[in-house]
């Protein structure tokens, strides 16, 4: 998913070696991204994930593991906060791994500071930070003319997620629905996860990948299949949320995708 608009960003110094990318603020190292060997379990996992659509769609070329102690500290603090709010143990907070995000924002800024909801556009589920477990969905946010692209693999503390009815949207959201920590939606069969707090999301891997000849046909077939939409004004089921879906200060209307 991609949510970022072009605004001024802090500039970081970068040092590149054959196996590591070091991001610095002056003389202080902020984070590192270490290139994985092709035998690394995470490289193999991501490569297989990209190949699920076929051998000639797209290919993971290099994968870098991100290490950012400050973002990790923020993320783990958020886990504790969410556990206290829910009356559960920190390890019981629902966490999703293997979520993908594509962005046109400077990569050094993202891995140094994390994603920032303040720099987001309004999406189908409001102003939030969007990810998807589908690499082909995430890749669709790149301009078509680029065959060599970058994608981030994220981890997210989704906690108690509001499950939005399929092919419905709520653009009025600027926080999770009352009583929930995040939103999970499905548009044309593609899952989207949305959080509204920067600390609920952390970059784990940078994926340098190449788009191959079959990509356009496969992406069109998967991403633009006809939607089975709900009625013109959809309401959440009693199993997923109360009728007051949006935050108290916002509209509570959920509309189906047309």
Protein backbone atom coordinates (compact mmCIF):
# COMPACT_ATOMS: atom_id res chain seq x y z
CA UNK A 1 0.00 0.00 0.00
CA UNK A 2 1.11 3.57 -0.48
CA UNK A 3 -0.23 6.55 1.42
CA UNK A 4 2.39 9.27 1.21
CA UNK A 5 2.30 12.70 -0.37
CA UNK A 6 5.34 14.78 -1.27
CA UNK A 7 6.35 17.13 1.55
CA UNK A 8 9.71 18.33 2.89
CA UNK A 9 11.63 15.55 4.66
CA UNK A 10 14.60 15.50 6.99
CA UNK A 11 17.77 14.57 5.12
CA UNK A 12 19.93 11.73 6.46
CA UNK A 13 23.48 10.80 5.58
CA UNK A 14 23.90 7.29 4.20
CA UNK A 15 26.92 5.00 4.00
CA UNK A 16 26.75 2.05 1.62
CA UNK A 17 28.92 -1.07 1.68
CA UNK A 18 28.57 -4.35 -0.20
CA UNK A 19 26.44 -5.83 2.58
CA UNK A 20 25.09 -2.95 4.67
CA UNK A 21 23.33 0.37 4.40
CA UNK A 22 24.01 2.71 7.34
CA UNK A 23 21.74 5.70 7.93
CA UNK A 24 23.19 8.51 10.01
CA UNK A 25 22.16 11.84 11.47
CA UNK A 26 25.46 13.69 11.52
CA UNK A 27 27.87 11.34 13.30
CA UNK A 28 25.12 9.31 15.00
CA UNK A 29 24.04 6.01 13.50
CA UNK A 30 20.24 5.88 13.44
CA UNK A 31 19.72 2.47 11.89
CA UNK A 32 21.22 -0.13 9.61
CA UNK A 33 19.89 -2.34 6.83
CA UNK A 34 21.91 -5.52 6.35
CA UNK A 35 21.76 -7.42 3.08
CA UNK A 36 20.66 -11.05 3.51
CA UNK A 37 22.35 -13.98 1.84
CA UNK A 38 20.23 -16.01 -0.58
CA UNK A 39 20.31 -18.86 1.95
CA UNK A 40 18.86 -16.75 4.77
CA UNK A 41 15.48 -18.05 5.90
CA UNK A 42 13.84 -14.63 5.49
CA UNK A 43 15.25 -14.15 2.00
CA UNK A 44 13.91 -17.59 0.99
CA UNK A 45 10.52 -16.84 2.56
CA UNK A 46 10.14 -13.48 0.79
CA UNK A 47 11.34 -14.90 -2.53
CA UNK A 48 8.72 -17.65 -2.29
CA UNK A 49 6.05 -15.09 -1.40
CA UNK A 50 6.87 -13.11 -4.54
CA UNK A 51 6.82 -16.25 -6.68
CA UNK A 52 3.33 -17.30 -5.58
CA UNK A 53 1.90 -15.57 -8.66
CA UNK A 54 4.17 -17.44 -11.09
CA UNK A 55 7.85 -17.59 -12.07
CA UNK A 56 7.71 -14.71 -14.57
CA UNK A 57 5.75 -12.06 -12.60
CA UNK A 58 8.26 -10.44 -10.28
CA UNK A 59 11.42 -11.45 -8.47
CA UNK A 60 13.02 -10.43 -5.18
CA UNK A 61 16.62 -9.50 -6.07
CA UNK A 62 17.99 -8.30 -2.71
CA UNK A 63 16.50 -8.24 0.79
CA UNK A 64 17.81 -6.08 3.65
CA UNK A 65 16.98 -6.60 7.33
CA UNK A 66 16.29 -3.29 9.10
CA UNK A 67 17.63 -2.69 12.60
CA UNK A 68 16.42 0.51 14.27
CA UNK A 69 16.65 0.42 18.10
CA UNK A 70 14.57 3.58 18.62
CA UNK A 71 11.70 2.39 16.43
CA UNK A 72 11.86 -1.02 18.13
CA UNK A 73 11.63 0.64 21.53
CA UNK A 74 8.64 2.73 20.40
CA UNK A 75 6.94 -0.36 18.96
CA UNK A 76 7.40 -2.44 22.11
CA UNK A 77 6.20 0.44 24.31
CA UNK A 78 3.07 0.62 22.16
CA UNK A 79 2.56 -3.11 22.68
CA UNK A 80 2.58 -2.56 26.45
CA UNK A 81 0.18 0.41 26.19
CA UNK A 82 -2.25 -1.63 24.08
CA UNK A 83 -2.08 -4.55 26.51
CA UNK A 84 -2.86 -2.29 29.47
CA UNK A 85 -5.78 -0.73 27.62
CA UNK A 86 -7.18 -4.17 26.81
CA UNK A 87 -6.41 -5.83 30.14
CA UNK A 88 -4.23 -8.54 28.57
CA UNK A 89 -0.57 -9.54 28.62
CA UNK A 90 1.74 -7.80 26.11
CA UNK A 91 2.39 -11.05 24.21
CA UNK A 92 -1.39 -11.42 23.71
CA UNK A 93 -1.68 -8.23 21.64
CA UNK A 94 -2.45 -9.37 18.09
CA UNK A 95 0.51 -8.72 15.81
CA UNK A 96 0.73 -9.30 12.07
CA UNK A 97 3.97 -9.91 10.21
CA UNK A 98 4.63 -10.11 6.49
CA UNK A 99 2.64 -6.99 5.60
CA UNK A 100 3.81 -4.98 2.59
CA UNK A 101 3.96 -1.24 1.98
CA UNK A 102 5.17 0.75 -1.02
CA UNK A 103 5.92 4.45 -0.79
CA UNK A 104 7.38 7.27 -2.82
CA UNK A 105 8.75 8.91 0.33
CA UNK A 106 12.57 8.87 0.80
CA UNK A 107 13.53 5.37 1.93
CA UNK A 108 16.13 6.63 4.41
CA UNK A 109 13.45 8.69 6.15
CA UNK A 110 11.08 5.72 6.41
CA UNK A 111 13.58 3.32 7.94
CA UNK A 112 14.97 6.04 10.24
CA UNK A 113 11.66 7.48 11.48
CA UNK A 114 9.00 4.94 10.49
CA UNK A 115 5.81 5.77 8.63
CA UNK A 116 4.01 8.96 9.63
CA UNK A 117 0.22 9.18 9.51
CA UNK A 118 0.50 12.98 9.42
CA UNK A 119 1.93 12.67 5.91
CA UNK A 120 -0.82 10.35 4.65
CA UNK A 121 -3.54 10.96 2.10
CA UNK A 122 -7.13 10.00 2.80
CA UNK A 123 -7.60 6.41 1.67
CA UNK A 124 -10.59 4.07 1.54
CA UNK A 125 -10.45 3.68 5.31
CA UNK A 126 -9.56 7.26 6.17
CA UNK A 127 -6.26 8.86 7.07
CA UNK A 128 -4.12 5.98 8.25
CA UNK A 129 -1.10 3.81 7.52
CA UNK A 130 -1.98 1.13 5.00
CA UNK A 131 -0.40 -2.29 4.46
CA UNK A 132 -1.39 -5.50 2.71
CA UNK A 133 -0.30 -9.14 2.91
CA UNK A 134 -0.33 -9.14 -0.92
CA UNK A 135 2.97 -8.09 -2.56
CA UNK A 136 1.25 -7.66 -5.92
CA UNK A 137 -1.26 -5.27 -4.36
CA UNK A 138 1.53 -3.25 -2.76
CA UNK A 139 3.52 -3.19 -6.00
CA UNK A 140 0.57 -1.69 -7.88
CA UNK A 141 1.25 1.67 -6.21
CA UNK A 142 4.49 2.13 -8.16
CA UNK A 143 4.44 4.04 -11.47
CA UNK A 144 4.15 1.43 -14.22
CA UNK A 145 7.27 2.67 -16.04
CA UNK A 146 9.60 1.38 -13.30
CA UNK A 147 10.64 -2.27 -13.59
CA UNK A 148 13.06 -2.12 -10.63
CA UNK A 149 11.20 -1.26 -7.44
CA UNK A 150 11.45 -1.13 -3.65
CA UNK A 151 8.94 -2.52 -1.15
CA UNK A 152 8.93 -2.61 2.65
CA UNK A 153 7.86 -5.59 4.71
CA UNK A 154 6.28 -4.42 7.96
CA UNK A 155 5.11 -5.77 11.30
CA UNK A 156 1.94 -4.26 12.77
CA UNK A 157 0.26 -4.31 16.18
CA UNK A 158 -3.31 -4.52 14.91
CA UNK A 159 -4.71 -5.49 18.33
CA UNK A 160 -8.49 -5.66 18.34
CA UNK A 161 -9.19 -5.05 14.66
CA UNK A 162 -12.52 -3.88 13.25
CA UNK A 163 -13.28 -6.21 10.33
CA UNK A 164 -14.91 -4.04 7.70
CA UNK A 165 -17.55 -5.77 5.53
CA UNK A 166 -16.08 -6.76 2.12
CA UNK A 167 -15.96 -4.00 -0.49
CA UNK A 168 -17.04 -1.28 1.92
CA UNK A 169 -15.13 1.83 2.90
CA UNK A 170 -15.11 4.55 5.56
CA UNK A 171 -13.10 7.54 4.36
CA UNK A 172 -14.08 9.63 7.40
CA UNK A 173 -11.81 7.71 9.77
CA UNK A 174 -8.79 9.38 11.31
CA UNK A 175 -8.53 6.88 14.15
CA UNK A 176 -9.68 3.31 14.65
CA UNK A 177 -13.43 2.83 15.30
CA UNK A 178 -14.46 3.18 18.92
CA UNK A 179 -13.33 0.18 20.93
CA UNK A 180 -10.91 -1.01 18.22
CA UNK A 181 -7.19 -0.62 17.48
CA UNK A 182 -7.15 -0.93 13.69
CA UNK A 183 -9.22 -1.65 10.59
CA UNK A 184 -9.00 -4.66 8.29
CA UNK A 185 -10.81 -4.32 4.98
CA UNK A 186 -11.11 -6.31 1.77
CA UNK A 187 -11.45 -4.59 -1.60
CA UNK A 188 -11.82 -6.80 -4.70
CA UNK A 189 -10.54 -9.76 -2.72
CA UNK A 190 -7.39 -7.94 -1.55
CA UNK A 191 -6.89 -7.44 2.20
CA UNK A 192 -5.82 -4.07 3.59
CA UNK A 193 -4.78 -3.42 7.19
CA UNK A 194 -4.88 0.13 8.53
CA UNK A 195 -3.51 1.58 11.77
CA UNK A 196 -3.79 5.21 12.83
CA UNK A 197 -0.88 5.45 15.27
CA UNK A 198 2.71 5.55 13.97
CA UNK A 199 3.94 3.36 16.83
CA UNK A 200 1.79 0.41 15.73
CA UNK A 201 3.90 -0.18 12.63
CA UNK A 202 7.59 -0.95 12.13
CA UNK A 203 9.68 -1.68 9.00
CA UNK A 204 11.41 -5.08 9.14
CA UNK A 205 12.79 -5.61 5.65
CA UNK A 206 13.61 -3.62 2.51
CA UNK A 207 12.93 -5.62 -0.65
CA UNK A 208 14.66 -4.70 -3.91
CA UNK A 209 12.69 -6.48 -6.64
CA UNK A 210 12.25 -6.62 -10.39
CA UNK A 211 9.02 -6.66 -12.38
CA UNK A 212 9.03 -9.38 -15.07
CA UNK A 213 7.12 -9.67 -18.39
CA UNK A 214 3.99 -11.41 -17.03
CA UNK A 215 3.46 -8.85 -14.26
CA UNK A 216 0.98 -6.55 -16.03
CA UNK A 217 -1.37 -9.33 -17.09
CA UNK A 218 -1.33 -11.09 -13.71
CA UNK A 219 -1.71 -7.85 -11.73
CA UNK A 220 -4.68 -6.77 -13.86
CA UNK A 221 -6.38 -10.13 -13.39
CA UNK A 222 -5.84 -10.23 -9.62
CA UNK A 223 -6.36 -6.59 -8.68
CA UNK A 224 -9.18 -5.57 -10.97
CA UNK A 225 -11.53 -8.52 -10.76
CA UNK A 226 -15.17 -7.38 -10.51
CA UNK A 227 -16.18 -6.48 -6.97
CA UNK A 228 -19.23 -8.09 -5.38
CA UNK A 229 -20.41 -4.95 -3.64
CA UNK A 230 -22.77 -4.65 -0.73
CA UNK A 231 -25.89 -2.50 -0.74
CA UNK A 232 -25.56 1.24 -1.36
CA UNK A 233 -25.26 1.92 2.37
CA UNK A 234 -23.60 -0.91 4.24
CA UNK A 235 -23.66 -1.36 7.98
CA UNK A 236 -21.30 -3.52 10.03
CA UNK A 237 -22.55 -6.85 11.32
CA UNK A 238 -23.16 -7.27 15.02
CA UNK A 239 -20.24 -9.70 15.10
CA UNK A 240 -17.71 -7.05 14.09
CA UNK A 241 -18.70 -3.67 15.51
CA UNK A 242 -21.44 -1.48 16.84
CA UNK A 243 -23.31 0.84 14.42
CA UNK A 244 -21.23 3.80 15.63
CA UNK A 245 -18.29 2.82 13.48
CA UNK A 246 -16.30 6.04 13.27
CA UNK A 247 -14.84 8.08 16.07
CA UNK A 248 -17.37 10.27 17.95
CA UNK A 249 -16.23 13.41 16.14
CA UNK A 250 -16.56 11.84 12.71
CA UNK A 251 -19.23 10.68 10.34
CA UNK A 252 -20.43 7.14 11.04
CA UNK A 253 -21.39 6.40 7.44
CA UNK A 254 -19.81 3.42 5.73
CA UNK A 255 -20.32 3.29 1.98
CA UNK A 256 -19.99 0.35 -0.35
CA UNK A 257 -17.49 0.46 -3.20
CA UNK A 258 -19.23 1.38 -6.45
